[in-house]
Amino acid sequence: MSEKRKTTPSFVCELPMRTSPADERELSIRLESARQVYNACLGESLRVLTLMRESRDWQCAKAMSKGMGRTALFRSVIDRFDFKLSAFDRLAVA
């Protein structure tokens, strides 16, 4: 049985924004653009992750017992597929 977490007193204060129609349009455009970039990066990262996990080196590393050799093999697959945050940053900028 898990212990209950202690909660601290908190509150939420919601303030309405006073925006003009032009401001609302600009915010809507920017939020939609951000959503599209986020989803594109997420989709690409999931695609690359699937390819990584299907690779023979990944399967071999997965079958190995934990240790430095296994870690090094996983790292080499990650490097080969360039599965790093910087790669997805470049995708978002392009």
PDB file of N, CA and C in Angstrom:
ATOM      1  N   MET A   1       0.847  -1.183   0.000  1.00  0.00           N
ATOM      2  CA  MET A   1       0.000   0.000   0.000  1.00  0.00           C
ATOM      3  C   MET A   1       0.886   1.239   0.000  1.00  0.00           C
ATOM      4  N   SER A   2       0.608   2.169  -0.871  1.00  0.00           N
ATOM      5  CA  SER A   2       1.457   3.352  -0.976  1.00  0.00           C
ATOM      6  C   SER A   2       1.028   4.409   0.032  1.00  0.00           C
ATOM      7  N   GLU A   3       2.020   5.174   0.444  1.00  0.00           N
ATOM      8  CA  GLU A   3       1.745   6.252   1.382  1.00  0.00           C
ATOM      9  C   GLU A   3       1.186   7.450   0.637  1.00  0.00           C
ATOM     10  N   LYS A   4       0.319   8.184   1.314  1.00  0.00           N
ATOM     11  CA  LYS A   4      -0.228   9.388   0.694  1.00  0.00           C
ATOM     12  C   LYS A   4       0.812  10.492   0.740  1.00  0.00           C
ATOM     13  N   ARG A   5       0.890  11.219  -0.344  1.00  0.00           N
ATOM     14  CA  ARG A   5       1.826  12.337  -0.404  1.00  0.00           C
ATOM     15  C   ARG A   5       1.257  13.520   0.340  1.00  0.00           C
ATOM     16  N   LYS A   6       2.140  14.230   1.010  1.00  0.00           N
ATOM     17  CA  LYS A   6       1.713  15.452   1.677  1.00  0.00           C
ATOM     18  C   LYS A   6       1.516  16.540   0.639  1.00  0.00           C
ATOM     19  N   THR A   7       0.479  17.303   0.790  1.00  0.00           N
ATOM     20  CA  THR A   7       0.241  18.414  -0.122  1.00  0.00           C
ATOM     21  C   THR A   7       0.488  19.718   0.613  1.00  0.00           C
ATOM     22  N   THR A   8       0.943  20.669  -0.145  1.00  0.00           N
ATOM     23  CA  THR A   8       1.151  21.996   0.425  1.00  0.00           C
ATOM     24  C   THR A   8       0.014  22.895  -0.015  1.00  0.00           C
ATOM     25  N   PRO A   9      -0.342  23.851   0.815  1.00  0.00           N
ATOM     26  CA  PRO A   9      -1.415  24.752   0.418  1.00  0.00           C
ATOM     27  C   PRO A   9      -1.019  25.517  -0.847  1.00  0.00           C
ATOM     28  N   SER A  10      -1.906  25.585  -1.784  1.00  0.00           N
ATOM     29  CA  SER A  10      -1.627  26.318  -3.004  1.00  0.00           C
ATOM     30  C   SER A  10      -2.925  26.888  -3.558  1.00  0.00           C
ATOM     31  N   PHE A  11      -2.784  27.770  -4.517  1.00  0.00           N
ATOM     32  CA  PHE A  11      -3.960  28.356  -5.142  1.00  0.00           C
ATOM     33  C   PHE A  11      -3.642  28.655  -6.595  1.00  0.00           C
ATOM     34  N   VAL A  12      -4.680  28.822  -7.365  1.00  0.00           N
ATOM     35  CA  VAL A  12      -4.545  29.169  -8.775  1.00  0.00           C
ATOM     36  C   VAL A  12      -5.272  30.479  -8.985  1.00  0.00           C
ATOM     37  N   CYS A  13      -4.593  31.393  -9.610  1.00  0.00           N
ATOM     38  CA  CYS A  13      -5.196  32.686  -9.908  1.00  0.00           C
ATOM     39  C   CYS A  13      -5.257  32.835 -11.422  1.00  0.00           C
ATOM     40  N   GLU A  14      -6.446  32.867 -11.963  1.00  0.00           N
ATOM     41  CA  GLU A  14      -6.615  33.033 -13.397  1.00  0.00           C
ATOM     42  C   GLU A  14      -7.036  34.456 -13.683  1.00  0.00           C
ATOM     43  N   LEU A  15      -6.269  35.098 -14.549  1.00  0.00           N
ATOM     44  CA  LEU A  15      -6.566  36.466 -14.928  1.00  0.00           C
ATOM     45  C   LEU A  15      -6.887  36.508 -16.413  1.00  0.00           C
ATOM     46  N   PRO A  16      -7.975  37.154 -16.771  1.00  0.00           N
ATOM     47  CA  PRO A  16      -8.292  37.222 -18.199  1.00  0.00           C
ATOM     48  C   PRO A  16      -7.323  38.162 -18.917  1.00  0.00           C
ATOM     49  N   MET A  17      -6.982  37.776 -20.144  1.00  0.00           N
ATOM     50  CA  MET A  17      -6.133  38.646 -20.949  1.00  0.00           C
ATOM     51  C   MET A  17      -7.021  39.635 -21.684  1.00  0.00           C
ATOM     52  N   ARG A  18      -6.574  40.840 -21.745  1.00  0.00           N
ATOM     53  CA  ARG A  18      -7.289  41.834 -22.531  1.00  0.00           C
ATOM     54  C   ARG A  18      -6.576  41.959 -23.862  1.00  0.00           C
ATOM     55  N   THR A  19      -7.181  41.383 -24.855  1.00  0.00           N
ATOM     56  CA  THR A  19      -6.541  41.359 -26.159  1.00  0.00           C
ATOM     57  C   THR A  19      -7.452  41.968 -27.206  1.00  0.00           C
ATOM     58  N   SER A  20      -6.831  42.490 -28.204  1.00  0.00           N
ATOM     59  CA  SER A  20      -7.579  42.991 -29.351  1.00  0.00           C
ATOM     60  C   SER A  20      -7.765  41.823 -30.329  1.00  0.00           C
ATOM     61  N   PRO A  21      -8.644  41.941 -31.268  1.00  0.00           N
ATOM     62  CA  PRO A  21      -8.782  40.875 -32.274  1.00  0.00           C
ATOM     63  C   PRO A  21      -7.467  40.587 -33.006  1.00  0.00           C
ATOM     64  N   ALA A  22      -6.676  41.617 -33.251  1.00  0.00           N
ATOM     65  CA  ALA A  22      -5.380  41.424 -33.915  1.00  0.00           C
ATOM     66  C   ALA A  22      -4.443  40.598 -33.026  1.00  0.00           C
ATOM     67  N   ASP A  23      -4.443  40.898 -31.706  1.00  0.00           N
ATOM     68  CA  ASP A  23      -3.616  40.130 -30.767  1.00  0.00           C
ATOM     69  C   ASP A  23      -4.065  38.672 -30.723  1.00  0.00           C
ATOM     70  N   GLU A  24      -5.370  38.440 -30.685  1.00  0.00           N
ATOM     71  CA  GLU A  24      -5.891  37.081 -30.647  1.00  0.00           C
ATOM     72  C   GLU A  24      -5.499  36.309 -31.905  1.00  0.00           C
ATOM     73  N   ARG A  25      -5.565  36.978 -33.041  1.00  0.00           N
ATOM     74  CA  ARG A  25      -5.183  36.338 -34.306  1.00  0.00           C
ATOM     75  C   ARG A  25      -3.702  35.978 -34.291  1.00  0.00           C
ATOM     76  N   GLU A  26      -2.860  36.892 -33.833  1.00  0.00           N
ATOM     77  CA  GLU A  26      -1.417  36.654 -33.763  1.00  0.00           C
ATOM     78  C   GLU A  26      -1.095  35.502 -32.809  1.00  0.00           C
ATOM     79  N   LEU A  27      -1.734  35.492 -31.644  1.00  0.00           N
ATOM     80  CA  LEU A  27      -1.525  34.406 -30.687  1.00  0.00           C
ATOM     81  C   LEU A  27      -1.964  33.069 -31.274  1.00  0.00           C
ATOM     82  N   SER A  28      -3.088  33.064 -31.949  1.00  0.00           N
ATOM     83  CA  SER A  28      -3.604  31.839 -32.556  1.00  0.00           C
ATOM     84  C   SER A  28      -2.628  31.302 -33.607  1.00  0.00           C
ATOM     85  N   ILE A  29      -2.088  32.183 -34.425  1.00  0.00           N
ATOM     86  CA  ILE A  29      -1.129  31.778 -35.457  1.00  0.00           C
ATOM     87  C   ILE A  29       0.133  31.208 -34.816  1.00  0.00           C
ATOM     88  N   ARG A  30       0.644  31.868 -33.803  1.00  0.00           N
ATOM     89  CA  ARG A  30       1.880  31.413 -33.156  1.00  0.00           C
ATOM     90  C   ARG A  30       1.688  30.089 -32.430  1.00  0.00           C
ATOM     91  N   LEU A  31       0.564  29.940 -31.740  1.00  0.00           N
ATOM     92  CA  LEU A  31       0.297  28.688 -31.040  1.00  0.00           C
ATOM     93  C   LEU A  31       0.119  27.532 -32.028  1.00  0.00           C
ATOM     94  N   GLU A  32      -0.551  27.770 -33.128  1.00  0.00           N
ATOM     95  CA  GLU A  32      -0.734  26.739 -34.146  1.00  0.00           C
ATOM     96  C   GLU A  32       0.604  26.356 -34.773  1.00  0.00           C
ATOM     97  N   SER A  33       1.449  27.338 -35.021  1.00  0.00           N
ATOM     98  CA  SER A  33       2.782  27.056 -35.570  1.00  0.00           C
ATOM     99  C   SER A  33       3.601  26.221 -34.595  1.00  0.00           C
ATOM    100  N   ALA A  34       3.554  26.575 -33.323  1.00  0.00           N
ATOM    101  CA  ALA A  34       4.288  25.827 -32.291  1.00  0.00           C
ATOM    102  C   ALA A  34       3.769  24.393 -32.199  1.00  0.00           C
ATOM    103  N   ARG A  35       2.461  24.207 -32.301  1.00  0.00           N
ATOM    104  CA  ARG A  35       1.868  22.877 -32.248  1.00  0.00           C
ATOM    105  C   ARG A  35       2.360  22.026 -33.424  1.00  0.00           C
ATOM    106  N   GLN A  36       2.412  22.623 -34.599  1.00  0.00           N
ATOM    107  CA  GLN A  36       2.853  21.888 -35.779  1.00  0.00           C
ATOM    108  C   GLN A  36       4.329  21.496 -35.681  1.00  0.00           C
ATOM    109  N   VAL A  37       5.159  22.405 -35.198  1.00  0.00           N
ATOM    110  CA  VAL A  37       6.589  22.101 -35.037  1.00  0.00           C
ATOM    111  C   VAL A  37       6.773  20.995 -34.003  1.00  0.00           C
ATOM    112  N   TYR A  38       6.058  21.102 -32.889  1.00  0.00           N
ATOM    113  CA  TYR A  38       6.142  20.086 -31.833  1.00  0.00           C
ATOM    114  C   TYR A  38       5.751  18.719 -32.380  1.00  0.00           C
ATOM    115  N   ASN A  39       4.636  18.641 -33.076  1.00  0.00           N
ATOM    116  CA  ASN A  39       4.162  17.369 -33.607  1.00  0.00           C
ATOM    117  C   ASN A  39       5.104  16.812 -34.671  1.00  0.00           C
ATOM    118  N   ALA A  40       5.701  17.681 -35.482  1.00  0.00           N
ATOM    119  CA  ALA A  40       6.665  17.225 -36.481  1.00  0.00           C
ATOM    120  C   ALA A  40       7.898  16.629 -35.798  1.00  0.00           C
ATOM    121  N   CYS A  41       8.403  17.298 -34.774  1.00  0.00           N
ATOM    122  CA  CYS A  41       9.569  16.792 -34.041  1.00  0.00           C
ATOM    123  C   CYS A  41       9.234  15.488 -33.321  1.00  0.00           C
ATOM    124  N   LEU A  42       8.064  15.416 -32.720  1.00  0.00           N
ATOM    125  CA  LEU A  42       7.644  14.200 -32.029  1.00  0.00           C
ATOM    126  C   LEU A  42       7.517  13.039 -33.015  1.00  0.00           C
ATOM    127  N   GLY A  43       6.885  13.279 -34.142  1.00  0.00           N
ATOM    128  CA  GLY A  43       6.732  12.232 -35.145  1.00  0.00           C
ATOM    129  C   GLY A  43       8.059  11.733 -35.663  1.00  0.00           C
ATOM    130  N   GLU A  44       8.977  12.649 -35.931  1.00  0.00           N
ATOM    131  CA  GLU A  44      10.301  12.269 -36.427  1.00  0.00           C
ATOM    132  C   GLU A  44      11.077  11.497 -35.365  1.00  0.00           C
ATOM    133  N   SER A  45      10.998  11.934 -34.112  1.00  0.00           N
ATOM    134  CA  SER A  45      11.726  11.228 -33.052  1.00  0.00           C
ATOM    135  C   SER A  45      11.166   9.821 -32.853  1.00  0.00           C
ATOM    136  N   LEU A  46       9.864   9.645 -32.937  1.00  0.00           N
ATOM    137  CA  LEU A  46       9.281   8.304 -32.804  1.00  0.00           C
ATOM    138  C   LEU A  46       9.667   7.415 -33.987  1.00  0.00           C
ATOM    139  N   ARG A  47       9.753   8.000 -35.180  1.00  0.00           N
ATOM    140  CA  ARG A  47      10.163   7.240 -36.359  1.00  0.00           C
ATOM    141  C   ARG A  47      11.601   6.747 -36.204  1.00  0.00           C
ATOM    142  N   VAL A  48      12.498   7.646 -35.774  1.00  0.00           N
ATOM    143  CA  VAL A  48      13.900   7.277 -35.598  1.00  0.00           C
ATOM    144  C   VAL A  48      14.046   6.269 -34.455  1.00  0.00           C
ATOM    145  N   LEU A  49      13.279   6.438 -33.395  1.00  0.00           N
ATOM    146  CA  LEU A  49      13.329   5.500 -32.274  1.00  0.00           C
ATOM    147  C   LEU A  49      12.929   4.099 -32.724  1.00  0.00           C
ATOM    148  N   THR A  50      11.900   4.002 -33.543  1.00  0.00           N
ATOM    149  CA  THR A  50      11.470   2.709 -34.064  1.00  0.00           C
ATOM    150  C   THR A  50      12.569   2.078 -34.912  1.00  0.00           C
ATOM    151  N   LEU A  51      13.190   2.875 -35.768  1.00  0.00           N
ATOM    152  CA  LEU A  51      14.291   2.359 -36.592  1.00  0.00           C
ATOM    153  C   LEU A  51      15.465   1.901 -35.733  1.00  0.00           C
ATOM    154  N   MET A  52      15.772   2.660 -34.683  1.00  0.00           N
ATOM    155  CA  MET A  52      16.862   2.283 -33.785  1.00  0.00           C
ATOM    156  C   MET A  52      16.575   0.949 -33.127  1.00  0.00           C
ATOM    157  N   ARG A  53      15.362   0.804 -32.615  1.00  0.00           N
ATOM    158  CA  ARG A  53      14.999  -0.427 -31.910  1.00  0.00           C
ATOM    159  C   ARG A  53      14.931  -1.635 -32.842  1.00  0.00           C
ATOM    160  N   GLU A  54      14.727  -1.411 -34.110  1.00  0.00           N
ATOM    161  CA  GLU A  54      14.693  -2.514 -35.077  1.00  0.00           C
ATOM    162  C   GLU A  54      16.088  -2.905 -35.564  1.00  0.00           C
ATOM    163  N   SER A  55      17.091  -2.077 -35.286  1.00  0.00           N
ATOM    164  CA  SER A  55      18.446  -2.364 -35.780  1.00  0.00           C
ATOM    165  C   SER A  55      19.025  -3.596 -35.079  1.00  0.00           C
ATOM    166  N   ARG A  56      19.913  -4.286 -35.806  1.00  0.00           N
ATOM    167  CA  ARG A  56      20.528  -5.501 -35.257  1.00  0.00           C
ATOM    168  C   ARG A  56      21.389  -5.197 -34.035  1.00  0.00           C
ATOM    169  N   ASP A  57      22.117  -4.087 -34.073  1.00  0.00           N
ATOM    170  CA  ASP A  57      22.969  -3.733 -32.927  1.00  0.00           C
ATOM    171  C   ASP A  57      22.134  -3.493 -31.673  1.00  0.00           C
ATOM    172  N   TRP A  58      20.998  -2.846 -31.834  1.00  0.00           N
ATOM    173  CA  TRP A  58      20.118  -2.576 -30.682  1.00  0.00           C
ATOM    174  C   TRP A  58      19.604  -3.904 -30.116  1.00  0.00           C
ATOM    175  N   GLN A  59      19.174  -4.814 -31.002  1.00  0.00           N
ATOM    176  CA  GLN A  59      18.664  -6.107 -30.554  1.00  0.00           C
ATOM    177  C   GLN A  59      19.758  -6.904 -29.839  1.00  0.00           C
ATOM    178  N   CYS A  60      20.972  -6.803 -30.370  1.00  0.00           N
ATOM    179  CA  CYS A  60      22.107  -7.490 -29.749  1.00  0.00           C
ATOM    180  C   CYS A  60      22.381  -6.910 -28.362  1.00  0.00           C
ATOM    181  N   ALA A  61      22.380  -5.585 -28.259  1.00  0.00           N
ATOM    182  CA  ALA A  61      22.620  -4.924 -26.975  1.00  0.00           C
ATOM    183  C   ALA A  61      21.516  -5.257 -25.982  1.00  0.00           C
ATOM    184  N   LYS A  62      20.307  -5.325 -26.469  1.00  0.00           N
ATOM    185  CA  LYS A  62      19.160  -5.635 -25.611  1.00  0.00           C
ATOM    186  C   LYS A  62      19.282  -7.035 -25.012  1.00  0.00           C
ATOM    187  N   ALA A  63      19.864  -7.967 -25.778  1.00  0.00           N
ATOM    188  CA  ALA A  63      20.014  -9.350 -25.319  1.00  0.00           C
ATOM    189  C   ALA A  63      21.182  -9.521 -24.348  1.00  0.00           C
ATOM    190  N   MET A  64      22.103  -8.561 -24.332  1.00  0.00           N
ATOM    191  CA  MET A  64      23.275  -8.655 -23.461  1.00  0.00           C
ATOM    192  C   MET A  64      22.900  -8.381 -22.017  1.00  0.00           C
ATOM    193  N   SER A  65      23.738  -8.878 -21.096  1.00  0.00           N
ATOM    194  CA  SER A  65      23.523  -8.548 -19.692  1.00  0.00           C
ATOM    195  C   SER A  65      24.030  -7.127 -19.446  1.00  0.00           C
ATOM    196  N   LYS A  66      23.490  -6.500 -18.426  1.00  0.00           N
ATOM    197  CA  LYS A  66      23.848  -5.110 -18.144  1.00  0.00           C
ATOM    198  C   LYS A  66      25.340  -4.987 -17.849  1.00  0.00           C
ATOM    199  N   GLY A  67      25.899  -3.913 -18.360  1.00  0.00           N
ATOM    200  CA  GLY A  67      27.316  -3.675 -18.162  1.00  0.00           C
ATOM    201  C   GLY A  67      27.816  -2.630 -19.139  1.00  0.00           C
ATOM    202  N   MET A  68      29.122  -2.408 -19.103  1.00  0.00           N
ATOM    203  CA  MET A  68      29.720  -1.365 -19.931  1.00  0.00           C
ATOM    204  C   MET A  68      29.627  -1.695 -21.422  1.00  0.00           C
ATOM    205  N   GLY A  69      29.764  -2.961 -21.796  1.00  0.00           N
ATOM    206  CA  GLY A  69      29.687  -3.332 -23.205  1.00  0.00           C
ATOM    207  C   GLY A  69      28.308  -3.062 -23.781  1.00  0.00           C
ATOM    208  N   ARG A  70      27.304  -3.397 -23.023  1.00  0.00           N
ATOM    209  CA  ARG A  70      25.919  -3.162 -23.454  1.00  0.00           C
ATOM    210  C   ARG A  70      25.662  -1.663 -23.610  1.00  0.00           C
ATOM    211  N   THR A  71      26.088  -0.911 -22.622  1.00  0.00           N
ATOM    212  CA  THR A  71      25.910   0.537 -22.662  1.00  0.00           C
ATOM    213  C   THR A  71      26.624   1.146 -23.857  1.00  0.00           C
ATOM    214  N   ALA A  72      27.837   0.680 -24.116  1.00  0.00           N
ATOM    215  CA  ALA A  72      28.613   1.203 -25.247  1.00  0.00           C
ATOM    216  C   ALA A  72      27.923   0.883 -26.572  1.00  0.00           C
ATOM    217  N   LEU A  73      27.330  -0.294 -26.672  1.00  0.00           N
ATOM    218  CA  LEU A  73      26.642  -0.677 -27.901  1.00  0.00           C
ATOM    219  C   LEU A  73      25.385   0.161 -28.101  1.00  0.00           C
ATOM    220  N   PHE A  74      24.617   0.357 -27.028  1.00  0.00           N
ATOM    221  CA  PHE A  74      23.448   1.243 -27.119  1.00  0.00           C
ATOM    222  C   PHE A  74      23.884   2.642 -27.549  1.00  0.00           C
ATOM    223  N   ARG A  75      24.961   3.144 -26.937  1.00  0.00           N
ATOM    224  CA  ARG A  75      25.461   4.487 -27.247  1.00  0.00           C
ATOM    225  C   ARG A  75      25.874   4.584 -28.714  1.00  0.00           C
ATOM    226  N   SER A  76      26.507   3.540 -29.240  1.00  0.00           N
ATOM    227  CA  SER A  76      26.934   3.581 -30.640  1.00  0.00           C
ATOM    228  C   SER A  76      25.724   3.627 -31.583  1.00  0.00           C
ATOM    229  N   VAL A  77      24.661   2.925 -31.235  1.00  0.00           N
ATOM    230  CA  VAL A  77      23.439   2.966 -32.058  1.00  0.00           C
ATOM    231  C   VAL A  77      22.828   4.361 -31.996  1.00  0.00           C
ATOM    232  N   ILE A  78      22.777   4.930 -30.817  1.00  0.00           N
ATOM    233  CA  ILE A  78      22.218   6.274 -30.642  1.00  0.00           C
ATOM    234  C   ILE A  78      23.029   7.288 -31.448  1.00  0.00           C
ATOM    235  N   ASP A  79      24.355   7.149 -31.416  1.00  0.00           N
ATOM    236  CA  ASP A  79      25.211   8.053 -32.188  1.00  0.00           C
ATOM    237  C   ASP A  79      25.027   7.851 -33.691  1.00  0.00           C
ATOM    238  N   ARG A  80      24.908   6.590 -34.118  1.00  0.00           N
ATOM    239  CA  ARG A  80      24.744   6.305 -35.542  1.00  0.00           C
ATOM    240  C   ARG A  80      23.448   6.893 -36.089  1.00  0.00           C
ATOM    241  N   PHE A  81      22.388   6.845 -35.301  1.00  0.00           N
ATOM    242  CA  PHE A  81      21.108   7.391 -35.741  1.00  0.00           C
ATOM    243  C   PHE A  81      20.960   8.872 -35.400  1.00  0.00           C
ATOM    244  N   ASP A  82      21.970   9.456 -34.760  1.00  0.00           N
ATOM    245  CA  ASP A  82      21.955  10.869 -34.354  1.00  0.00           C
ATOM    246  C   ASP A  82      20.693  11.193 -33.552  1.00  0.00           C
ATOM    247  N   PHE A  83      20.400  10.324 -32.598  1.00  0.00           N
ATOM    248  CA  PHE A  83      19.196  10.469 -31.772  1.00  0.00           C
ATOM    249  C   PHE A  83      19.530  11.324 -30.556  1.00  0.00           C
ATOM    250  N   LYS A  84      19.616  12.637 -30.803  1.00  0.00           N
ATOM    251  CA  LYS A  84      19.977  13.594 -29.756  1.00  0.00           C
ATOM    252  C   LYS A  84      19.045  14.793 -29.855  1.00  0.00           C
ATOM    253  N   LEU A  85      18.909  15.496 -28.770  1.00  0.00           N
ATOM    254  CA  LEU A  85      18.045  16.666 -28.750  1.00  0.00           C
ATOM    255  C   LEU A  85      18.507  17.696 -29.781  1.00  0.00           C
ATOM    256  N   SER A  86      19.807  17.823 -29.966  1.00  0.00           N
ATOM    257  CA  SER A  86      20.323  18.809 -30.924  1.00  0.00           C
ATOM    258  C   SER A  86      19.858  18.496 -32.343  1.00  0.00           C
ATOM    259  N   ALA A  87      19.707  17.212 -32.675  1.00  0.00           N
ATOM    260  CA  ALA A  87      19.243  16.842 -34.006  1.00  0.00           C
ATOM    261  C   ALA A  87      17.795  17.314 -34.222  1.00  0.00           C
ATOM    262  N   PHE A  88      16.992  17.230 -33.175  1.00  0.00           N
ATOM    263  CA  PHE A  88      15.598  17.658 -33.303  1.00  0.00           C
ATOM    264  C   PHE A  88      15.474  19.171 -33.237  1.00  0.00           C
ATOM    265  N   ASP A  89      16.414  19.812 -32.562  1.00  0.00           N
ATOM    266  CA  ASP A  89      16.476  21.269 -32.595  1.00  0.00           C
ATOM    267  C   ASP A  89      16.750  21.746 -34.023  1.00  0.00           C
ATOM    268  N   ARG A  90      17.683  21.072 -34.697  1.00  0.00           N
ATOM    269  CA  ARG A  90      17.986  21.426 -36.088  1.00  0.00           C
ATOM    270  C   ARG A  90      16.770  21.222 -36.970  1.00  0.00           C
ATOM    271  N   LEU A  91      16.006  20.172 -36.701  1.00  0.00           N
ATOM    272  CA  LEU A  91      14.790  19.911 -37.469  1.00  0.00           C
ATOM    273  C   LEU A  91      13.792  21.048 -37.290  1.00  0.00           C
ATOM    274  N   ALA A  92      13.658  21.545 -36.075  1.00  0.00           N
ATOM    275  CA  ALA A  92      12.697  22.615 -35.794  1.00  0.00           C
ATOM    276  C   ALA A  92      13.116  23.930 -36.444  1.00  0.00           C
ATOM    277  N   VAL A  93      14.421  24.161 -36.556  1.00  0.00           N
ATOM    278  CA  VAL A  93      14.912  25.413 -37.123  1.00  0.00           C
ATOM    279  C   VAL A  93      14.818  25.410 -38.641  1.00  0.00           C
ATOM    280  N   ALA A  94      14.991  24.233 -39.235  1.00  0.00           N
ATOM    281  CA  ALA A  94      15.005  24.123 -40.703  1.00  0.00           C
ATOM    282  C   ALA A  94      13.694  24.505 -41.330  1.00  0.00           C
TER     283      ALA A  94
END
